[in-house]
Amino acid sequence: MSKKDSVRLRYTYNDLIRNKGVNAALLVILILSAFLTATGSMVMERLVGSVNQLFDEAKPPHFLQMHVGDYDRGELERFAADHPEIDSWLIEEMLGYDSAAIAWQRPSTGSPATSPTASSTTSSSPRMRNSTS
């Protein structure tokens, strides 16, 4: 060990001895930040794992096409049979519903609320109603 290294080591040691409170606080902050980093990485790993598991269970489509109007089911079956890269396919009928027709009202007063969690003077909770009825 050279004289320069010895001086640096002595200076560092004396600094640690003189400022015990500051060094202890820095050590606590360092340990807490390491703990929070490790916890955050564990949460991210579990989130990614759960999303992957959800996709495995749900089997979402790789391609989705929405269509309005009539279609020929036989033609779709022939198309799927002619293309071996299509593993499976599904036709799902969807409901056409105007979302602008949905409004929130308080059951006791009938007054509109801005959200389902809007504050009310009564203990009843708001419920969703179709405003066209």
N, C-alpha and C. Protein backbone atom coordinates (compact mmCIF):
# COMPACT_ATOMS: atom_id res chain seq x y z
N MET A 1 0.85 -1.16 0.00
CA MET A 1 0.00 0.00 0.00
C MET A 1 0.91 1.24 0.00
N SER A 2 0.60 2.15 -0.92
CA SER A 2 1.42 3.35 -1.02
C SER A 2 0.99 4.39 0.03
N LYS A 3 1.82 5.39 0.17
CA LYS A 3 1.53 6.44 1.14
C LYS A 3 0.25 7.19 0.76
N LYS A 4 0.01 7.36 -0.55
CA LYS A 4 -1.19 8.05 -1.03
C LYS A 4 -2.46 7.27 -0.66
N ASP A 5 -2.41 5.96 -0.83
CA ASP A 5 -3.55 5.12 -0.46
C ASP A 5 -3.77 5.12 1.04
N SER A 6 -2.70 5.14 1.80
CA SER A 6 -2.81 5.16 3.26
C SER A 6 -3.47 6.46 3.74
N VAL A 7 -3.15 7.58 3.11
CA VAL A 7 -3.74 8.86 3.48
C VAL A 7 -5.23 8.86 3.15
N ARG A 8 -5.58 8.31 1.99
CA ARG A 8 -7.00 8.24 1.60
C ARG A 8 -7.79 7.36 2.56
N LEU A 9 -7.21 6.24 2.93
CA LEU A 9 -7.89 5.33 3.84
C LEU A 9 -8.08 5.97 5.21
N ARG A 10 -7.06 6.65 5.72
CA ARG A 10 -7.15 7.33 7.01
C ARG A 10 -8.19 8.46 6.97
N TYR A 11 -8.22 9.22 5.87
CA TYR A 11 -9.19 10.31 5.71
C TYR A 11 -10.62 9.75 5.70
N THR A 12 -10.83 8.66 4.97
CA THR A 12 -12.16 8.03 4.91
C THR A 12 -12.57 7.52 6.29
N TYR A 13 -11.67 6.86 6.99
CA TYR A 13 -11.97 6.33 8.32
C TYR A 13 -12.34 7.46 9.29
N ASN A 14 -11.56 8.52 9.28
CA ASN A 14 -11.85 9.66 10.17
C ASN A 14 -13.19 10.32 9.83
N ASP A 15 -13.51 10.39 8.55
CA ASP A 15 -14.80 10.96 8.13
C ASP A 15 -15.95 10.10 8.63
N LEU A 16 -15.80 8.78 8.57
CA LEU A 16 -16.86 7.88 9.05
C LEU A 16 -17.03 8.00 10.56
N ILE A 17 -15.95 8.15 11.30
CA ILE A 17 -16.01 8.25 12.76
C ILE A 17 -16.64 9.58 13.19
N ARG A 18 -16.31 10.68 12.53
CA ARG A 18 -16.80 12.00 12.94
C ARG A 18 -18.28 12.20 12.63
N ASN A 19 -18.77 11.65 11.54
CA ASN A 19 -20.15 11.90 11.09
C ASN A 19 -20.99 10.63 11.19
N LYS A 20 -21.11 10.09 12.39
CA LYS A 20 -21.82 8.83 12.56
C LYS A 20 -23.30 8.95 12.22
N GLY A 21 -23.96 10.04 12.62
CA GLY A 21 -25.40 10.21 12.35
C GLY A 21 -25.69 10.31 10.86
N VAL A 22 -24.91 11.11 10.16
CA VAL A 22 -25.11 11.27 8.72
C VAL A 22 -24.86 9.96 8.00
N ASN A 23 -23.79 9.27 8.39
CA ASN A 23 -23.48 8.00 7.74
C ASN A 23 -24.53 6.93 8.03
N ALA A 24 -25.07 6.92 9.24
CA ALA A 24 -26.13 5.97 9.57
C ALA A 24 -27.38 6.26 8.75
N ALA A 25 -27.73 7.55 8.61
CA ALA A 25 -28.90 7.92 7.82
C ALA A 25 -28.71 7.53 6.35
N LEU A 26 -27.51 7.76 5.84
CA LEU A 26 -27.23 7.37 4.45
C LEU A 26 -27.31 5.85 4.27
N LEU A 27 -26.83 5.10 5.26
CA LEU A 27 -26.91 3.65 5.20
C LEU A 27 -28.36 3.17 5.20
N VAL A 28 -29.19 3.77 6.04
CA VAL A 28 -30.61 3.40 6.09
C VAL A 28 -31.29 3.71 4.76
N ILE A 29 -31.02 4.87 4.19
CA ILE A 29 -31.61 5.23 2.89
C ILE A 29 -31.15 4.28 1.80
N LEU A 30 -29.87 3.92 1.83
CA LEU A 30 -29.33 3.00 0.84
C LEU A 30 -29.99 1.62 0.95
N ILE A 31 -30.17 1.14 2.18
CA ILE A 31 -30.81 -0.16 2.38
C ILE A 31 -32.27 -0.11 1.95
N LEU A 32 -32.98 0.97 2.30
CA LEU A 32 -34.38 1.09 1.89
C LEU A 32 -34.52 1.17 0.37
N SER A 33 -33.64 1.88 -0.30
CA SER A 33 -33.74 1.98 -1.76
C SER A 33 -33.46 0.62 -2.41
N ALA A 34 -32.51 -0.13 -1.86
CA ALA A 34 -32.24 -1.48 -2.38
C ALA A 34 -33.45 -2.38 -2.17
N PHE A 35 -34.07 -2.27 -0.99
CA PHE A 35 -35.26 -3.07 -0.70
C PHE A 35 -36.41 -2.72 -1.64
N LEU A 36 -36.64 -1.42 -1.85
CA LEU A 36 -37.72 -1.01 -2.75
C LEU A 36 -37.44 -1.42 -4.19
N THR A 37 -36.20 -1.36 -4.62
CA THR A 37 -35.84 -1.81 -5.97
C THR A 37 -36.10 -3.30 -6.13
N ALA A 38 -35.71 -4.08 -5.15
CA ALA A 38 -35.94 -5.52 -5.21
C ALA A 38 -37.43 -5.84 -5.19
N THR A 39 -38.19 -5.14 -4.36
CA THR A 39 -39.63 -5.36 -4.31
C THR A 39 -40.30 -4.97 -5.61
N GLY A 40 -39.89 -3.86 -6.18
CA GLY A 40 -40.46 -3.43 -7.46
C GLY A 40 -40.17 -4.41 -8.58
N SER A 41 -38.97 -4.96 -8.59
CA SER A 41 -38.65 -5.95 -9.63
C SER A 41 -39.45 -7.24 -9.43
N MET A 42 -39.71 -7.62 -8.18
CA MET A 42 -40.54 -8.80 -7.93
C MET A 42 -41.98 -8.56 -8.39
N VAL A 43 -42.50 -7.38 -8.14
CA VAL A 43 -43.86 -7.05 -8.57
C VAL A 43 -43.95 -7.09 -10.09
N MET A 44 -42.96 -6.52 -10.77
CA MET A 44 -42.96 -6.53 -12.24
C MET A 44 -42.89 -7.95 -12.78
N GLU A 45 -42.07 -8.81 -12.16
CA GLU A 45 -41.95 -10.19 -12.61
C GLU A 45 -43.27 -10.92 -12.44
N ARG A 46 -43.95 -10.70 -11.34
CA ARG A 46 -45.25 -11.36 -11.12
C ARG A 46 -46.31 -10.82 -12.07
N LEU A 47 -46.27 -9.53 -12.36
CA LEU A 47 -47.22 -8.94 -13.29
C LEU A 47 -47.05 -9.52 -14.68
N VAL A 48 -45.81 -9.60 -15.15
CA VAL A 48 -45.56 -10.16 -16.47
C VAL A 48 -45.97 -11.62 -16.52
N GLY A 49 -45.66 -12.36 -15.47
CA GLY A 49 -46.05 -13.77 -15.40
C GLY A 49 -47.56 -13.95 -15.41
N SER A 50 -48.28 -13.11 -14.69
CA SER A 50 -49.74 -13.24 -14.64
C SER A 50 -50.37 -12.84 -15.96
N VAL A 51 -49.82 -11.84 -16.64
CA VAL A 51 -50.36 -11.46 -17.95
C VAL A 51 -50.12 -12.58 -18.95
N ASN A 52 -48.94 -13.20 -18.91
CA ASN A 52 -48.67 -14.33 -19.80
C ASN A 52 -49.62 -15.48 -19.52
N GLN A 53 -49.87 -15.76 -18.26
CA GLN A 53 -50.79 -16.84 -17.90
C GLN A 53 -52.21 -16.50 -18.35
N LEU A 54 -52.61 -15.23 -18.22
CA LEU A 54 -53.93 -14.81 -18.66
C LEU A 54 -54.08 -15.03 -20.16
N PHE A 55 -53.06 -14.68 -20.93
CA PHE A 55 -53.12 -14.88 -22.38
C PHE A 55 -53.15 -16.36 -22.73
N ASP A 56 -52.44 -17.20 -21.97
CA ASP A 56 -52.48 -18.63 -22.22
C ASP A 56 -53.87 -19.19 -21.96
N GLU A 57 -54.53 -18.72 -20.90
CA GLU A 57 -55.86 -19.21 -20.55
C GLU A 57 -56.94 -18.65 -21.48
N ALA A 58 -56.84 -17.37 -21.82
CA ALA A 58 -57.89 -16.72 -22.60
C ALA A 58 -57.79 -17.06 -24.08
N LYS A 59 -56.60 -17.36 -24.56
CA LYS A 59 -56.37 -17.65 -25.98
C LYS A 59 -56.96 -16.57 -26.87
N PRO A 60 -56.47 -15.34 -26.74
CA PRO A 60 -57.02 -14.25 -27.55
C PRO A 60 -56.65 -14.45 -29.03
N PRO A 61 -57.44 -13.89 -29.92
CA PRO A 61 -57.15 -14.07 -31.35
C PRO A 61 -55.90 -13.27 -31.75
N HIS A 62 -55.21 -13.83 -32.74
CA HIS A 62 -54.05 -13.12 -33.27
C HIS A 62 -54.50 -12.08 -34.30
N PHE A 63 -55.70 -12.27 -34.83
CA PHE A 63 -56.23 -11.35 -35.82
C PHE A 63 -57.72 -11.22 -35.58
N LEU A 64 -58.21 -10.03 -35.58
CA LEU A 64 -59.62 -9.79 -35.33
C LEU A 64 -60.14 -8.84 -36.40
N GLN A 65 -61.25 -9.25 -37.00
CA GLN A 65 -61.87 -8.38 -37.99
C GLN A 65 -63.33 -8.20 -37.62
N MET A 66 -63.76 -6.96 -37.57
CA MET A 66 -65.16 -6.66 -37.28
C MET A 66 -65.84 -6.30 -38.58
N HIS A 67 -67.06 -6.80 -38.74
CA HIS A 67 -67.76 -6.63 -39.99
C HIS A 67 -69.23 -6.33 -39.68
N VAL A 68 -69.80 -5.44 -40.44
CA VAL A 68 -71.22 -5.11 -40.30
C VAL A 68 -71.93 -5.60 -41.55
N GLY A 69 -73.01 -6.28 -41.36
CA GLY A 69 -73.79 -6.73 -42.50
C GLY A 69 -73.84 -8.24 -42.60
N ASP A 70 -74.35 -8.70 -43.73
CA ASP A 70 -74.51 -10.14 -43.96
C ASP A 70 -73.18 -10.77 -44.37
N TYR A 71 -73.06 -12.06 -44.13
CA TYR A 71 -71.88 -12.82 -44.52
C TYR A 71 -72.31 -14.23 -44.88
N ASP A 72 -71.48 -14.91 -45.66
CA ASP A 72 -71.75 -16.29 -46.08
C ASP A 72 -70.89 -17.22 -45.24
N ARG A 73 -71.52 -17.94 -44.31
CA ARG A 73 -70.78 -18.82 -43.40
C ARG A 73 -70.07 -19.93 -44.17
N GLY A 74 -70.69 -20.46 -45.19
CA GLY A 74 -70.07 -21.52 -45.99
C GLY A 74 -68.80 -21.04 -46.67
N GLU A 75 -68.82 -19.80 -47.16
CA GLU A 75 -67.63 -19.24 -47.80
C GLU A 75 -66.50 -19.07 -46.78
N LEU A 76 -66.83 -18.67 -45.57
CA LEU A 76 -65.81 -18.55 -44.53
C LEU A 76 -65.23 -19.92 -44.17
N GLU A 77 -66.07 -20.95 -44.11
CA GLU A 77 -65.58 -22.31 -43.82
C GLU A 77 -64.65 -22.79 -44.93
N ARG A 78 -65.00 -22.51 -46.18
CA ARG A 78 -64.14 -22.91 -47.30
C ARG A 78 -62.80 -22.16 -47.24
N PHE A 79 -62.86 -20.87 -46.95
CA PHE A 79 -61.64 -20.07 -46.85
C PHE A 79 -60.72 -20.63 -45.76
N ALA A 80 -61.29 -20.95 -44.59
CA ALA A 80 -60.49 -21.48 -43.49
C ALA A 80 -59.91 -22.85 -43.84
N ALA A 81 -60.69 -23.67 -44.55
CA ALA A 81 -60.20 -25.00 -44.94
C ALA A 81 -59.08 -24.90 -45.98
N ASP A 82 -59.13 -23.91 -46.84
CA ASP A 82 -58.11 -23.73 -47.89
C ASP A 82 -56.81 -23.14 -47.37
N HIS A 83 -56.79 -22.62 -46.18
CA HIS A 83 -55.59 -22.00 -45.62
C HIS A 83 -55.15 -22.77 -44.37
N PRO A 84 -54.14 -23.63 -44.51
CA PRO A 84 -53.71 -24.46 -43.37
C PRO A 84 -53.09 -23.65 -42.22
N GLU A 85 -52.70 -22.39 -42.45
CA GLU A 85 -52.13 -21.59 -41.37
C GLU A 85 -53.19 -21.12 -40.38
N ILE A 86 -54.46 -21.28 -40.72
CA ILE A 86 -55.56 -20.92 -39.81
C ILE A 86 -55.83 -22.12 -38.91
N ASP A 87 -55.46 -21.98 -37.62
CA ASP A 87 -55.67 -23.07 -36.66
C ASP A 87 -57.13 -23.18 -36.25
N SER A 88 -57.73 -22.07 -35.93
CA SER A 88 -59.13 -22.06 -35.52
C SER A 88 -59.72 -20.69 -35.83
N TRP A 89 -61.03 -20.65 -35.92
CA TRP A 89 -61.69 -19.39 -36.20
C TRP A 89 -63.05 -19.40 -35.54
N LEU A 90 -63.61 -18.22 -35.36
CA LEU A 90 -64.85 -18.09 -34.61
C LEU A 90 -65.61 -16.88 -35.12
N ILE A 91 -66.90 -17.04 -35.26
CA ILE A 91 -67.77 -15.91 -35.58
C ILE A 91 -68.59 -15.64 -34.33
N GLU A 92 -68.53 -14.42 -33.87
CA GLU A 92 -69.24 -14.03 -32.65
C GLU A 92 -70.18 -12.88 -32.99
N GLU A 93 -71.45 -13.09 -32.70
CA GLU A 93 -72.43 -12.02 -32.91
C GLU A 93 -72.27 -11.00 -31.78
N MET A 94 -72.24 -9.74 -32.13
CA MET A 94 -72.09 -8.68 -31.14
C MET A 94 -73.38 -7.87 -31.05
N LEU A 95 -73.62 -7.34 -29.90
CA LEU A 95 -74.79 -6.50 -29.70
C LEU A 95 -74.48 -5.07 -30.10
N GLY A 96 -75.36 -4.49 -30.84
CA GLY A 96 -75.21 -3.08 -31.17
C GLY A 96 -75.91 -2.25 -30.11
N TYR A 97 -75.17 -1.46 -29.36
CA TYR A 97 -75.77 -0.70 -28.28
C TYR A 97 -75.16 0.70 -28.28
N ASP A 98 -76.01 1.69 -28.21
CA ASP A 98 -75.56 3.08 -28.19
C ASP A 98 -75.11 3.43 -26.78
N SER A 99 -73.81 3.61 -26.59
CA SER A 99 -73.30 3.89 -25.25
C SER A 99 -73.71 5.28 -24.75
N ALA A 100 -74.12 6.16 -25.64
CA ALA A 100 -74.57 7.48 -25.21
C ALA A 100 -75.92 7.39 -24.48
N ALA A 101 -76.59 6.25 -24.62
CA ALA A 101 -77.89 6.07 -23.97
C ALA A 101 -77.75 5.64 -22.51
N ILE A 102 -76.54 5.43 -22.04
CA ILE A 102 -76.31 5.01 -20.65
C ILE A 102 -76.15 6.26 -19.78
N ALA A 103 -76.87 6.32 -18.68
CA ALA A 103 -76.78 7.45 -17.76
C ALA A 103 -76.85 6.92 -16.34
N TRP A 104 -76.25 7.63 -15.42
CA TRP A 104 -76.28 7.27 -14.01
C TRP A 104 -77.32 8.14 -13.30
N GLN A 105 -78.17 7.49 -12.49
CA GLN A 105 -79.16 8.22 -11.71
C GLN A 105 -79.20 7.66 -10.30
N ARG A 106 -79.46 8.54 -9.35
CA ARG A 106 -79.63 8.09 -7.98
C ARG A 106 -81.06 7.56 -7.83
N PRO A 107 -81.21 6.35 -7.32
CA PRO A 107 -82.54 5.75 -7.22
C PRO A 107 -83.50 6.55 -6.36
N SER A 108 -83.03 7.15 -5.27
CA SER A 108 -83.95 7.82 -4.35
C SER A 108 -84.42 9.16 -4.89
N THR A 109 -83.54 9.90 -5.57
CA THR A 109 -83.91 11.25 -6.01
C THR A 109 -84.14 11.35 -7.50
N GLY A 110 -83.56 10.42 -8.26
CA GLY A 110 -83.71 10.48 -9.71
C GLY A 110 -82.81 11.51 -10.35
N SER A 111 -82.00 12.22 -9.55
CA SER A 111 -81.11 13.23 -10.11
C SER A 111 -79.89 12.56 -10.73
N PRO A 112 -79.38 13.14 -11.81
CA PRO A 112 -78.23 12.51 -12.48
C PRO A 112 -76.96 12.64 -11.65
N ALA A 113 -76.11 11.65 -11.76
CA ALA A 113 -74.81 11.66 -11.10
C ALA A 113 -73.74 11.64 -12.18
N THR A 114 -72.59 12.19 -11.88
CA THR A 114 -71.53 12.25 -12.88
C THR A 114 -70.77 10.94 -12.99
N SER A 115 -70.78 10.13 -11.94
CA SER A 115 -70.08 8.85 -11.98
C SER A 115 -70.74 7.92 -10.97
N PRO A 116 -70.43 6.61 -11.04
CA PRO A 116 -71.02 5.70 -10.08
C PRO A 116 -70.57 5.96 -8.65
N THR A 117 -69.49 6.69 -8.47
CA THR A 117 -69.00 6.96 -7.11
C THR A 117 -69.33 8.37 -6.67
N ALA A 118 -70.25 9.04 -7.38
CA ALA A 118 -70.60 10.42 -7.01
C ALA A 118 -71.20 10.43 -5.62
N SER A 119 -70.92 11.48 -4.88
CA SER A 119 -71.40 11.55 -3.49
C SER A 119 -72.89 11.81 -3.46
N SER A 120 -73.53 11.23 -2.49
CA SER A 120 -74.97 11.36 -2.35
C SER A 120 -75.29 11.59 -0.88
N THR A 121 -76.38 12.32 -0.63
CA THR A 121 -76.77 12.56 0.76
C THR A 121 -77.52 11.36 1.32
N THR A 122 -77.98 10.48 0.46
CA THR A 122 -78.68 9.28 0.93
C THR A 122 -77.71 8.12 0.94
N SER A 123 -78.11 7.04 1.58
CA SER A 123 -77.23 5.88 1.69
C SER A 123 -77.39 4.95 0.49
N SER A 124 -78.31 5.22 -0.42
CA SER A 124 -78.48 4.33 -1.56
C SER A 124 -77.39 4.56 -2.58
N SER A 125 -77.02 3.51 -3.24
CA SER A 125 -75.95 3.63 -4.24
C SER A 125 -76.56 3.87 -5.61
N PRO A 126 -75.85 4.57 -6.50
CA PRO A 126 -76.39 4.82 -7.83
C PRO A 126 -76.42 3.53 -8.64
N ARG A 127 -77.34 3.46 -9.59
CA ARG A 127 -77.39 2.29 -10.46
C ARG A 127 -77.52 2.76 -11.89
N MET A 128 -77.16 1.89 -12.82
CA MET A 128 -77.14 2.27 -14.22
C MET A 128 -78.54 2.04 -14.81
N ARG A 129 -78.99 3.04 -15.58
CA ARG A 129 -80.28 2.94 -16.26
C ARG A 129 -80.12 3.38 -17.70
N ASN A 130 -80.96 2.85 -18.53
CA ASN A 130 -81.00 3.28 -19.92
C ASN A 130 -81.83 4.55 -19.96
N SER A 131 -81.26 5.65 -20.46
CA SER A 131 -81.96 6.92 -20.42
C SER A 131 -83.10 7.01 -21.45
N THR A 132 -83.15 6.04 -22.36
CA THR A 132 -84.22 6.06 -23.36
C THR A 132 -85.50 5.47 -22.81
N SER A 133 -85.46 4.81 -21.66
CA SER A 133 -86.68 4.21 -21.10
C SER A 133 -87.30 5.07 -20.04
